Structure formats: structure tokens, C-alpha cells
PDB file of all heavy atoms in Angstrom:
ATOM      1  N   ASP A   1      -0.496   6.264   0.724  1.00  0.00           N
ATOM      2  CA  ASP A   1      -1.871   6.722   0.511  1.00  0.00           C
ATOM      3  C   ASP A   1      -2.684   5.670  -0.242  1.00  0.00           C
ATOM      4  O   ASP A   1      -3.851   5.424   0.065  1.00  0.00           O
ATOM      5  CB  ASP A   1      -1.894   8.037  -0.283  1.00  0.00           C
ATOM      6  CG  ASP A   1      -1.364   9.219   0.496  1.00  0.00           C
ATOM      7  OD1 ASP A   1      -1.207   9.124   1.734  1.00  0.00           O
ATOM      8  OD2 ASP A   1      -1.093  10.254  -0.144  1.00  0.00           O
ATOM      9  N   HIS A   2      -2.053   5.067  -1.237  1.00  0.00           N
ATOM     10  CA  HIS A   2      -2.722   4.049  -2.048  1.00  0.00           C
ATOM     11  C   HIS A   2      -3.116   2.846  -1.178  1.00  0.00           C
ATOM     12  O   HIS A   2      -4.243   2.341  -1.289  1.00  0.00           O
ATOM     13  CB  HIS A   2      -1.786   3.629  -3.181  1.00  0.00           C
ATOM     14  CG  HIS A   2      -2.444   2.908  -4.296  1.00  0.00           C
ATOM     15  ND1 HIS A   2      -3.170   3.537  -5.266  1.00  0.00           N
ATOM     16  CD2 HIS A   2      -2.492   1.583  -4.590  1.00  0.00           C
ATOM     17  CE1 HIS A   2      -3.626   2.643  -6.126  1.00  0.00           C
ATOM     18  NE2 HIS A   2      -3.230   1.453  -5.731  1.00  0.00           N
ATOM     19  N   VAL A   3      -2.201   2.392  -0.335  1.00  0.00           N
ATOM     20  CA  VAL A   3      -2.470   1.246   0.546  1.00  0.00           C
ATOM     21  C   VAL A   3      -3.590   1.595   1.529  1.00  0.00           C
ATOM     22  O   VAL A   3      -4.516   0.796   1.737  1.00  0.00           O
ATOM     23  CB  VAL A   3      -1.184   0.816   1.297  1.00  0.00           C
ATOM     24  CG1 VAL A   3      -1.498  -0.143   2.430  1.00  0.00           C
ATOM     25  CG2 VAL A   3      -0.187   0.196   0.322  1.00  0.00           C
ATOM     26  N   GLU A   4      -3.520   2.782   2.114  1.00  0.00           N
ATOM     27  CA  GLU A   4      -4.553   3.187   3.075  1.00  0.00           C
ATOM     28  C   GLU A   4      -5.928   3.279   2.415  1.00  0.00           C
ATOM     29  O   GLU A   4      -6.930   2.838   2.989  1.00  0.00           O
ATOM     30  CB  GLU A   4      -4.189   4.523   3.725  1.00  0.00           C
ATOM     31  CG  GLU A   4      -3.065   4.408   4.716  1.00  0.00           C
ATOM     32  CD  GLU A   4      -2.685   5.729   5.350  1.00  0.00           C
ATOM     33  OE1 GLU A   4      -2.880   6.792   4.722  1.00  0.00           O
ATOM     34  OE2 GLU A   4      -2.181   5.699   6.492  1.00  0.00           O
ATOM     35  N   ALA A   5      -5.990   3.831   1.227  1.00  0.00           N
ATOM     36  CA  ALA A   5      -7.274   3.955   0.530  1.00  0.00           C
ATOM     37  C   ALA A   5      -7.855   2.575   0.208  1.00  0.00           C
ATOM     38  O   ALA A   5      -9.054   2.344   0.399  1.00  0.00           O
ATOM     39  CB  ALA A   5      -7.103   4.777  -0.746  1.00  0.00           C
ATOM     40  N   ALA A   6      -7.014   1.663  -0.251  1.00  0.00           N
ATOM     41  CA  ALA A   6      -7.478   0.318  -0.590  1.00  0.00           C
ATOM     42  C   ALA A   6      -7.939  -0.448   0.652  1.00  0.00           C
ATOM     43  O   ALA A   6      -8.914  -1.192   0.603  1.00  0.00           O
ATOM     44  CB  ALA A   6      -6.372  -0.453  -1.310  1.00  0.00           C
ATOM     45  N   ALA A   7      -7.241  -0.243   1.775  1.00  0.00           N
ATOM     46  CA  ALA A   7      -7.573  -0.962   3.016  1.00  0.00           C
ATOM     47  C   ALA A   7      -8.693  -0.287   3.801  1.00  0.00           C
ATOM     48  O   ALA A   7      -9.322  -0.920   4.645  1.00  0.00           O
ATOM     49  CB  ALA A   7      -6.319  -1.068   3.894  1.00  0.00           C
ATOM     50  N   GLY A   8      -8.898   0.995   3.550  1.00  0.00           N
ATOM     51  CA  GLY A   8      -9.902   1.741   4.300  1.00  0.00           C
ATOM     52  C   GLY A   8      -9.480   2.015   5.733  1.00  0.00           C
ATOM     53  O   GLY A   8     -10.321   2.236   6.607  1.00  0.00           O
ATOM     54  N   LYS A   9      -8.173   2.002   5.970  1.00  0.00           N
ATOM     55  CA  LYS A   9      -7.656   2.301   7.308  1.00  0.00           C
ATOM     56  C   LYS A   9      -6.200   2.738   7.211  1.00  0.00           C
ATOM     57  O   LYS A   9      -5.557   2.553   6.182  1.00  0.00           O
ATOM     58  CB  LYS A   9      -7.812   1.110   8.251  1.00  0.00           C
ATOM     59  CG  LYS A   9      -7.234  -0.202   7.752  1.00  0.00           C
ATOM     60  CD  LYS A   9      -7.620  -1.347   8.690  1.00  0.00           C
ATOM     61  CE  LYS A   9      -7.325  -2.703   8.071  1.00  0.00           C
ATOM     62  NZ  LYS A   9      -7.764  -3.798   8.934  1.00  0.00           N
ATOM     63  N   SER A  10      -5.708   3.325   8.284  1.00  0.00           N
ATOM     64  CA  SER A  10      -4.343   3.846   8.311  1.00  0.00           C
ATOM     65  C   SER A  10      -3.323   2.708   8.356  1.00  0.00           C
ATOM     66  O   SER A  10      -3.649   1.565   8.704  1.00  0.00           O
ATOM     67  CB  SER A  10      -4.138   4.749   9.527  1.00  0.00           C
ATOM     68  OG  SER A  10      -4.123   3.964  10.714  1.00  0.00           O
ATOM     69  N   ILE A  11      -2.096   3.056   8.016  1.00  0.00           N
ATOM     70  CA  ILE A  11      -1.005   2.081   8.110  1.00  0.00           C
ATOM     71  C   ILE A  11      -0.881   1.593   9.546  1.00  0.00           C
ATOM     72  O   ILE A  11      -0.708   0.396   9.793  1.00  0.00           O
ATOM     73  CB  ILE A  11       0.313   2.689   7.595  1.00  0.00           C
ATOM     74  CG1 ILE A  11       0.194   2.971   6.111  1.00  0.00           C
ATOM     75  CG2 ILE A  11       1.497   1.766   7.882  1.00  0.00           C
ATOM     76  CD1 ILE A  11       1.297   3.817   5.539  1.00  0.00           C
ATOM     77  N   ARG A  12      -0.997   2.496  10.498  1.00  0.00           N
ATOM     78  CA  ARG A  12      -0.939   2.112  11.912  1.00  0.00           C
ATOM     79  C   ARG A  12      -1.990   1.047  12.211  1.00  0.00           C
ATOM     80  O   ARG A  12      -1.709   0.043  12.858  1.00  0.00           O
ATOM     81  CB  ARG A  12      -1.132   3.331  12.808  1.00  0.00           C
ATOM     82  CG  ARG A  12      -1.171   2.991  14.296  1.00  0.00           C
ATOM     83  CD  ARG A  12      -1.396   4.226  15.159  1.00  0.00           C
ATOM     84  NE  ARG A  12      -0.211   5.042  15.269  1.00  0.00           N
ATOM     85  CZ  ARG A  12       0.836   4.760  16.044  1.00  0.00           C
ATOM     86  NH1 ARG A  12       0.858   3.661  16.758  1.00  0.00           N
ATOM     87  NH2 ARG A  12       1.867   5.572  16.097  1.00  0.00           N
ATOM     88  N   ASP A  13      -3.220   1.237  11.702  1.00  0.00           N
ATOM     89  CA  ASP A  13      -4.297   0.272  11.939  1.00  0.00           C
ATOM     90  C   ASP A  13      -4.052  -1.043  11.201  1.00  0.00           C
ATOM     91  O   ASP A  13      -4.377  -2.115  11.715  1.00  0.00           O
ATOM     92  CB  ASP A  13      -5.646   0.866  11.544  1.00  0.00           C
ATOM     93  CG  ASP A  13      -6.111   1.957  12.493  1.00  0.00           C
ATOM     94  OD1 ASP A  13      -5.597   2.035  13.637  1.00  0.00           O
ATOM     95  OD2 ASP A  13      -6.988   2.751  12.087  1.00  0.00           O
ATOM     96  N   ILE A  14      -3.485  -0.963  10.008  1.00  0.00           N
ATOM     97  CA  ILE A  14      -3.148  -2.200   9.276  1.00  0.00           C
ATOM     98  C   ILE A  14      -2.139  -3.003  10.089  1.00  0.00           C
ATOM     99  O   ILE A  14      -2.293  -4.215  10.272  1.00  0.00           O
ATOM    100  CB  ILE A  14      -2.607  -1.899   7.864  1.00  0.00           C
ATOM    101  CG1 ILE A  14      -3.679  -1.231   7.004  1.00  0.00           C
ATOM    102  CG2 ILE A  14      -2.095  -3.183   7.197  1.00  0.00           C
ATOM    103  CD1 ILE A  14      -3.159  -0.665   5.691  1.00  0.00           C
ATOM    104  N   PHE A  15      -1.105  -2.342  10.582  1.00  0.00           N
ATOM    105  CA  PHE A  15      -0.097  -3.026  11.400  1.00  0.00           C
ATOM    106  C   PHE A  15      -0.752  -3.645  12.639  1.00  0.00           C
ATOM    107  O   PHE A  15      -0.461  -4.783  13.000  1.00  0.00           O
ATOM    108  CB  PHE A  15       1.002  -2.046  11.836  1.00  0.00           C
ATOM    109  CG  PHE A  15       2.200  -2.001  10.929  1.00  0.00           C
ATOM    110  CD1 PHE A  15       2.117  -1.425   9.670  1.00  0.00           C
ATOM    111  CD2 PHE A  15       3.420  -2.504  11.335  1.00  0.00           C
ATOM    112  CE1 PHE A  15       3.216  -1.359   8.834  1.00  0.00           C
ATOM    113  CE2 PHE A  15       4.532  -2.451  10.507  1.00  0.00           C
ATOM    114  CZ  PHE A  15       4.433  -1.876   9.247  1.00  0.00           C
ATOM    115  N   ALA A  16      -1.640  -2.887  13.296  1.00  0.00           N
ATOM    116  CA  ALA A  16      -2.253  -3.345  14.548  1.00  0.00           C
ATOM    117  C   ALA A  16      -3.216  -4.509  14.334  1.00  0.00           C
ATOM    118  O   ALA A  16      -3.253  -5.441  15.147  1.00  0.00           O
ATOM    119  CB  ALA A  16      -2.977  -2.182  15.227  1.00  0.00           C
ATOM    120  N   THR A  17      -3.998  -4.464  13.260  1.00  0.00           N
ATOM    121  CA  THR A  17      -5.029  -5.495  13.080  1.00  0.00           C
ATOM    122  C   THR A  17      -4.590  -6.652  12.189  1.00  0.00           C
ATOM    123  O   THR A  17      -5.004  -7.789  12.411  1.00  0.00           O
ATOM    124  CB  THR A  17      -6.327  -4.889  12.490  1.00  0.00           C
ATOM    125  OG1 THR A  17      -6.039  -4.280  11.237  1.00  0.00           O
ATOM    126  CG2 THR A  17      -6.933  -3.867  13.442  1.00  0.00           C
ATOM    127  N   ASP A  18      -3.778  -6.360  11.179  1.00  0.00           N
ATOM    128  CA  ASP A  18      -3.414  -7.385  10.209  1.00  0.00           C
ATOM    129  C   ASP A  18      -1.945  -7.806  10.305  1.00  0.00           C
ATOM    130  O   ASP A  18      -1.579  -8.853   9.777  1.00  0.00           O
ATOM    131  CB  ASP A  18      -3.690  -6.879   8.789  1.00  0.00           C
ATOM    132  CG  ASP A  18      -5.118  -6.400   8.600  1.00  0.00           C
ATOM    133  OD1 ASP A  18      -6.020  -6.917   9.277  1.00  0.00           O
ATOM    134  OD2 ASP A  18      -5.326  -5.495   7.772  1.00  0.00           O
ATOM    135  N   GLY A  19      -1.104  -6.957  10.877  1.00  0.00           N
ATOM    136  CA  GLY A  19       0.313  -7.255  11.016  1.00  0.00           C
ATOM    137  C   GLY A  19       1.160  -6.661   9.903  1.00  0.00           C
ATOM    138  O   GLY A  19       0.647  -6.255   8.856  1.00  0.00           O
ATOM    139  N   GLU A  20       2.459  -6.608  10.154  1.00  0.00           N
ATOM    140  CA  GLU A  20       3.370  -6.020   9.179  1.00  0.00           C
ATOM    141  C   GLU A  20       3.415  -6.809   7.884  1.00  0.00           C
ATOM    142  O   GLU A  20       3.485  -6.228   6.793  1.00  0.00           O
ATOM    143  CB  GLU A  20       4.787  -5.893   9.756  1.00  0.00           C
ATOM    144  CG  GLU A  20       5.739  -5.211   8.784  1.00  0.00           C
ATOM    145  CD  GLU A  20       7.130  -4.959   9.332  1.00  0.00           C
ATOM    146  OE1 GLU A  20       7.415  -5.298  10.495  1.00  0.00           O
ATOM    147  OE2 GLU A  20       7.944  -4.396   8.565  1.00  0.00           O
ATOM    148  N   LEU A  21       3.352  -8.131   7.966  1.00  0.00           N
ATOM    149  CA  LEU A  21       3.411  -8.941   6.746  1.00  0.00           C
ATOM    150  C   LEU A  21       2.258  -8.594   5.808  1.00  0.00           C
ATOM    151  O   LEU A  21       2.461  -8.438   4.595  1.00  0.00           O
ATOM    152  CB  LEU A  21       3.389 -10.432   7.091  1.00  0.00           C
ATOM    153  CG  LEU A  21       3.505 -11.377   5.901  1.00  0.00           C
ATOM    154  CD1 LEU A  21       4.788 -11.141   5.116  1.00  0.00           C
ATOM    155  CD2 LEU A  21       3.431 -12.825   6.373  1.00  0.00           C
ATOM    156  N   ALA A  22       1.053  -8.428   6.349  1.00  0.00           N
ATOM    157  CA  ALA A  22      -0.107  -8.058   5.523  1.00  0.00           C
ATOM    158  C   ALA A  22       0.105  -6.674   4.908  1.00  0.00           C
ATOM    159  O   ALA A  22      -0.231  -6.453   3.735  1.00  0.00           O
ATOM    160  CB  ALA A  22      -1.383  -8.085   6.348  1.00  0.00           C
ATOM    161  N   PHE A  23       0.666  -5.760   5.696  1.00  0.00           N
ATOM    162  CA  PHE A  23       0.952  -4.441   5.144  1.00  0.00           C
ATOM    163  C   PHE A  23       1.947  -4.546   3.997  1.00  0.00           C
ATOM    164  O   PHE A  23       1.771  -3.935   2.939  1.00  0.00           O
ATOM    165  CB  PHE A  23       1.484  -3.478   6.209  1.00  0.00           C
ATOM    166  CG  PHE A  23       2.021  -2.216   5.599  1.00  0.00           C
ATOM    167  CD1 PHE A  23       1.158  -1.237   5.120  1.00  0.00           C
ATOM    168  CD2 PHE A  23       3.386  -2.020   5.447  1.00  0.00           C
ATOM    169  CE1 PHE A  23       1.646  -0.090   4.510  1.00  0.00           C
ATOM    170  CE2 PHE A  23       3.883  -0.882   4.846  1.00  0.00           C
ATOM    171  CZ  PHE A  23       3.011   0.094   4.375  1.00  0.00           C
ATOM    172  N   ARG A  24       3.016  -5.309   4.175  1.00  0.00           N
ATOM    173  CA  ARG A  24       4.042  -5.438   3.129  1.00  0.00           C
ATOM    174  C   ARG A  24       3.454  -6.066   1.862  1.00  0.00           C
ATOM    175  O   ARG A  24       3.850  -5.704   0.752  1.00  0.00           O
ATOM    176  CB  ARG A  24       5.244  -6.233   3.637  1.00  0.00           C
ATOM    177  CG  ARG A  24       5.990  -5.588   4.783  1.00  0.00           C
ATOM    178  CD  ARG A  24       6.678  -4.308   4.389  1.00  0.00           C
ATOM    179  NE  ARG A  24       7.245  -3.624   5.558  1.00  0.00           N
ATOM    180  CZ  ARG A  24       7.464  -2.336   5.624  1.00  0.00           C
ATOM    181  NH1 ARG A  24       7.201  -1.550   4.590  1.00  0.00           N
ATOM    182  NH2 ARG A  24       7.959  -1.785   6.715  1.00  0.00           N
ATOM    183  N   GLU A  25       2.516  -7.004   2.007  1.00  0.00           N
ATOM    184  CA  GLU A  25       1.839  -7.581   0.844  1.00  0.00           C
ATOM    185  C   GLU A  25       1.057  -6.503   0.100  1.00  0.00           C
ATOM    186  O   GLU A  25       1.126  -6.399  -1.122  1.00  0.00           O
ATOM    187  CB  GLU A  25       0.888  -8.711   1.270  1.00  0.00           C
ATOM    188  CG  GLU A  25       1.586  -9.980   1.680  1.00  0.00           C
ATOM    189  CD  GLU A  25       2.362 -10.641   0.551  1.00  0.00           C
ATOM    190  OE1 GLU A  25       1.916 -10.596  -0.616  1.00  0.00           O
ATOM    191  OE2 GLU A  25       3.441 -11.191   0.834  1.00  0.00           O
ATOM    192  N   ARG A  26       0.294  -5.704   0.851  1.00  0.00           N
ATOM    193  CA  ARG A  26      -0.484  -4.622   0.239  1.00  0.00           C
ATOM    194  C   ARG A  26       0.445  -3.609  -0.437  1.00  0.00           C
ATOM    195  O   ARG A  26       0.142  -3.092  -1.508  1.00  0.00           O
ATOM    196  CB  ARG A  26      -1.330  -3.908   1.297  1.00  0.00           C
ATOM    197  CG  ARG A  26      -2.471  -4.733   1.835  1.00  0.00           C
ATOM    198  CD  ARG A  26      -3.162  -3.969   2.966  1.00  0.00           C
ATOM    199  NE  ARG A  26      -4.130  -4.742   3.671  1.00  0.00           N
ATOM    200  CZ  ARG A  26      -5.439  -4.654   3.493  1.00  0.00           C
ATOM    201  NH1 ARG A  26      -5.939  -3.810   2.607  1.00  0.00           N
ATOM    202  NH2 ARG A  26      -6.270  -5.401   4.187  1.00  0.00           N
ATOM    203  N   GLU A  27       1.568  -3.324   0.203  1.00  0.00           N
ATOM    204  CA  GLU A  27       2.537  -2.385  -0.350  1.00  0.00           C
ATOM    205  C   GLU A  27       3.094  -2.900  -1.677  1.00  0.00           C
ATOM    206  O   GLU A  27       3.198  -2.144  -2.654  1.00  0.00           O
ATOM    207  CB  GLU A  27       3.662  -2.176   0.668  1.00  0.00           C
ATOM    208  CG  GLU A  27       4.741  -1.222   0.251  1.00  0.00           C
ATOM    209  CD  GLU A  27       5.763  -1.044   1.359  1.00  0.00           C
ATOM    210  OE1 GLU A  27       6.376  -2.051   1.810  1.00  0.00           O
ATOM    211  OE2 GLU A  27       5.955   0.114   1.787  1.00  0.00           O
ATOM    212  N   SER A  28       3.429  -4.183  -1.732  1.00  0.00           N
ATOM    213  CA  SER A  28       3.944  -4.776  -2.972  1.00  0.00           C
ATOM    214  C   SER A  28       2.904  -4.718  -4.079  1.00  0.00           C
ATOM    215  O   SER A  28       3.232  -4.426  -5.240  1.00  0.00           O
ATOM    216  CB  SER A  28       4.374  -6.232  -2.730  1.00  0.00           C
ATOM    217  OG  SER A  28       5.506  -6.279  -1.893  1.00  0.00           O
ATOM    218  N   GLU A  29       1.647  -4.984  -3.746  1.00  0.00           N
ATOM    219  CA  GLU A  29       0.574  -4.904  -4.732  1.00  0.00           C
ATOM    220  C   GLU A  29       0.434  -3.472  -5.261  1.00  0.00           C
ATOM    221  O   GLU A  29       0.270  -3.265  -6.468  1.00  0.00           O
ATOM    222  CB  GLU A  29      -0.750  -5.364  -4.113  1.00  0.00           C
ATOM    223  CG  GLU A  29      -0.802  -6.840  -3.812  1.00  0.00           C
ATOM    224  CD  GLU A  29      -1.985  -7.238  -2.933  1.00  0.00           C
ATOM    225  OE1 GLU A  29      -2.880  -6.394  -2.685  1.00  0.00           O
ATOM    226  OE2 GLU A  29      -2.005  -8.398  -2.487  1.00  0.00           O
ATOM    227  N   ALA A  30       0.504  -2.499  -4.348  1.00  0.00           N
ATOM    228  CA  ALA A  30       0.400  -1.092  -4.756  1.00  0.00           C
ATOM    229  C   ALA A  30       1.556  -0.709  -5.674  1.00  0.00           C
ATOM    230  O   ALA A  30       1.350  -0.044  -6.701  1.00  0.00           O
ATOM    231  CB  ALA A  30       0.365  -0.186  -3.530  1.00  0.00           C
ATOM    232  N   LEU A  31       2.771  -1.123  -5.329  1.00  0.00           N
ATOM    233  CA  LEU A  31       3.931  -0.816  -6.163  1.00  0.00           C
ATOM    234  C   LEU A  31       3.775  -1.405  -7.564  1.00  0.00           C
ATOM    235  O   LEU A  31       4.048  -0.735  -8.559  1.00  0.00           O
ATOM    236  CB  LEU A  31       5.212  -1.350  -5.521  1.00  0.00           C
ATOM    237  CG  LEU A  31       5.731  -0.597  -4.314  1.00  0.00           C
ATOM    238  CD1 LEU A  31       6.860  -1.377  -3.652  1.00  0.00           C
ATOM    239  CD2 LEU A  31       6.192   0.793  -4.698  1.00  0.00           C
ATOM    240  N   THR A  32       3.335  -2.649  -7.632  1.00  0.00           N
ATOM    241  CA  THR A  32       3.151  -3.303  -8.924  1.00  0.00           C
ATOM    242  C   THR A  32       2.158  -2.531  -9.777  1.00  0.00           C
ATOM    243  O   THR A  32       2.400  -2.258 -10.960  1.00  0.00           O
ATOM    244  CB  THR A  32       2.686  -4.761  -8.722  1.00  0.00           C
ATOM    245  OG1 THR A  32       3.700  -5.460  -7.993  1.00  0.00           O
ATOM    246  CG2 THR A  32       2.439  -5.448 -10.053  1.00  0.00           C
ATOM    247  N   GLU A  33       1.046  -2.151  -9.175  1.00  0.00           N
ATOM    248  CA  GLU A  33       0.026  -1.402  -9.910  1.00  0.00           C
ATOM    249  C   GLU A  33       0.528  -0.029 -10.350  1.00  0.00           C
ATOM    250  O   GLU A  33       0.379   0.367 -11.504  1.00  0.00           O
ATOM    251  CB  GLU A  33      -1.222  -1.235  -9.044  1.00  0.00           C
ATOM    252  CG  GLU A  33      -2.308  -0.445  -9.718  1.00  0.00           C
ATOM    253  CD  GLU A  33      -3.490  -0.146  -8.812  1.00  0.00           C
ATOM    254  OE1 GLU A  33      -3.751  -0.913  -7.882  1.00  0.00           O
ATOM    255  OE2 GLU A  33      -4.133   0.893  -9.059  1.00  0.00           O
ATOM    256  N   LEU A  34       1.136   0.702  -9.429  1.00  0.00           N
ATOM    257  CA  LEU A  34       1.539   2.076  -9.733  1.00  0.00           C
ATOM    258  C   LEU A  34       2.688   2.141 -10.738  1.00  0.00           C
ATOM    259  O   LEU A  34       2.719   3.038 -11.584  1.00  0.00           O
ATOM    260  CB  LEU A  34       1.896   2.817  -8.449  1.00  0.00           C
ATOM    261  CG  LEU A  34       0.736   3.009  -7.469  1.00  0.00           C
ATOM    262  CD1 LEU A  34       1.229   3.629  -6.166  1.00  0.00           C
ATOM    263  CD2 LEU A  34      -0.382   3.833  -8.093  1.00  0.00           C
ATOM    264  N   CYS A  35       3.616   1.209 -10.654  1.00  0.00           N
ATOM    265  CA  CYS A  35       4.755   1.226 -11.578  1.00  0.00           C
ATOM    266  C   CYS A  35       4.324   0.966 -13.017  1.00  0.00           C
ATOM    267  O   CYS A  35       5.028   1.347 -13.951  1.00  0.00           O
ATOM    268  CB  CYS A  35       5.808   0.207 -11.143  1.00  0.00           C
ATOM    269  SG  CYS A  35       6.773   0.732  -9.712  1.00  0.00           S
ATOM    270  N   GLN A  36       3.170   0.357 -13.222  1.00  0.00           N
ATOM    271  CA  GLN A  36       2.684   0.080 -14.569  1.00  0.00           C
ATOM    272  C   GLN A  36       1.990   1.283 -15.196  1.00  0.00           C
ATOM    273  O   GLN A  36       1.738   1.301 -16.392  1.00  0.00           O
ATOM    274  CB  GLN A  36       1.706  -1.098 -14.539  1.00  0.00           C
ATOM    275  CG  GLN A  36       2.360  -2.395 -14.175  1.00  0.00           C
ATOM    276  CD  GLN A  36       1.355  -3.522 -13.985  1.00  0.00           C
ATOM    277  OE1 GLN A  36       0.174  -3.371 -14.218  1.00  0.00           O
ATOM    278  NE2 GLN A  36       1.851  -4.660 -13.551  1.00  0.00           N
ATOM    279  N   ARG A  37       1.679   2.297 -14.419  1.00  0.00           N
ATOM    280  CA  ARG A  37       0.890   3.418 -14.934  1.00  0.00           C
ATOM    281  C   ARG A  37       1.674   4.340 -15.855  1.00  0.00           C
ATOM    282  O   ARG A  37       1.115   4.927 -16.763  1.00  0.00           O
ATOM    283  CB  ARG A  37       0.300   4.218 -13.769  1.00  0.00           C
ATOM    284  CG  ARG A  37      -0.721   3.383 -13.022  1.00  0.00           C
ATOM    285  CD  ARG A  37      -1.501   4.198 -12.069  1.00  0.00           C
ATOM    286  NE  ARG A  37      -2.470   3.342 -11.373  1.00  0.00           N
ATOM    287  CZ  ARG A  37      -3.375   3.808 -10.572  1.00  0.00           C
ATOM    288  NH1 ARG A  37      -3.468   5.099 -10.326  1.00  0.00           N
ATOM    289  NH2 ARG A  37      -4.212   2.984  -9.974  1.00  0.00           N
ATOM    290  N   GLY A  38       2.955   4.515 -15.617  1.00  0.00           N
ATOM    291  CA  GLY A  38       3.764   5.375 -16.470  1.00  0.00           C
ATOM    292  C   GLY A  38       3.417   6.850 -16.343  1.00  0.00           C
ATOM    293  O   GLY A  38       2.379   7.215 -15.806  1.00  0.00           O
ATOM    294  N   THR A  39       4.321   7.682 -16.816  1.00  0.00           N
ATOM    295  CA  THR A  39       4.202   9.137 -16.766  1.00  0.00           C
ATOM    296  C   THR A  39       3.750   9.594 -15.384  1.00  0.00           C
ATOM    297  O   THR A  39       2.734  10.267 -15.222  1.00  0.00           O
ATOM    298  CB  THR A  39       3.238   9.663 -17.862  1.00  0.00           C
ATOM    299  OG1 THR A  39       3.551   9.012 -19.093  1.00  0.00           O
ATOM    300  CG2 THR A  39       3.428  11.160 -18.063  1.00  0.00           C
ATOM    301  N   CYS A  40       4.530   9.206 -14.393  1.00  0.00           N
ATOM    302  CA  CYS A  40       4.174   9.540 -13.020  1.00  0.00           C
ATOM    303  C   CYS A  40       5.401   9.587 -12.123  1.00  0.00           C
ATOM    304  O   CYS A  40       6.475   9.121 -12.482  1.00  0.00           O
ATOM    305  CB  CYS A  40       3.165   8.533 -12.467  1.00  0.00           C
ATOM    306  SG  CYS A  40       3.797   6.847 -12.285  1.00  0.00           S
ATOM    307  N   VAL A  41       5.195  10.188 -10.959  1.00  0.00           N
ATOM    308  CA  VAL A  41       6.181  10.190  -9.882  1.00  0.00           C
ATOM    309  C   VAL A  41       5.572   9.370  -8.753  1.00  0.00           C
ATOM    310  O   VAL A  41       4.412   9.582  -8.381  1.00  0.00           O
ATOM    311  CB  VAL A  41       6.490  11.624  -9.402  1.00  0.00           C
ATOM    312  CG1 VAL A  41       7.459  11.600  -8.224  1.00  0.00           C
ATOM    313  CG2 VAL A  41       7.047  12.470 -10.544  1.00  0.00           C
ATOM    314  N   ILE A  42       6.350   8.443  -8.211  1.00  0.00           N
ATOM    315  CA  ILE A  42       5.871   7.573  -7.147  1.00  0.00           C
ATOM    316  C   ILE A  42       6.736   7.773  -5.908  1.00  0.00           C
ATOM    317  O   ILE A  42       7.951   7.597  -5.959  1.00  0.00           O
ATOM    318  CB  ILE A  42       5.932   6.091  -7.563  1.00  0.00           C
ATOM    319  CG1 ILE A  42       5.112   5.852  -8.843  1.00  0.00           C
ATOM    320  CG2 ILE A  42       5.461   5.187  -6.424  1.00  0.00           C
ATOM    321  CD1 ILE A  42       5.343   4.495  -9.477  1.00  0.00           C
ATOM    322  N   ALA A  43       6.084   8.130  -4.795  1.00  0.00           N
ATOM    323  CA  ALA A  43       6.755   8.187  -3.495  1.00  0.00           C
ATOM    324  C   ALA A  43       6.458   6.873  -2.790  1.00  0.00           C
ATOM    325  O   ALA A  43       5.292   6.540  -2.556  1.00  0.00           O
ATOM    326  CB  ALA A  43       6.234   9.364  -2.673  1.00  0.00           C
ATOM    327  N   THR A  44       7.491   6.112  -2.497  1.00  0.00           N
ATOM    328  CA  THR A  44       7.308   4.814  -1.853  1.00  0.00           C
ATOM    329  C   THR A  44       7.337   4.955  -0.336  1.00  0.00           C
ATOM    330  O   THR A  44       7.854   5.939   0.193  1.00  0.00           O
ATOM    331  CB  THR A  44       8.419   3.830  -2.262  1.00  0.00           C
ATOM    332  OG1 THR A  44       9.672   4.313  -1.767  1.00  0.00           O
ATOM    333  CG2 THR A  44       8.476   3.654  -3.761  1.00  0.00           C
TER     334      THR A  44
END
């Protein structure tokens, strides 16, 4: 959800227009940000 909101498009669309590597980069950025927030549950 975090990646889709930041990109303004679905994961399917990210894969189609930007490729899997771009999606994985966005995913890593989201994980880094979310893991720093604390007091939370994260579904990867």
C-alpha cells in the first residue's frame, strides 16, 4: 500500500511501466522508512 501510494499507481502498473527492479527499489525504500517508525505492525 505504501509503495502504491507513493507511486500513484498499482504494483501491476509499476511492474508494467517501470519494471520489477524499480518496484524492488521502491519496496526497499518503503521498508527502510516503515521500520524506523516503531510501535507498529508491518506487512511486507
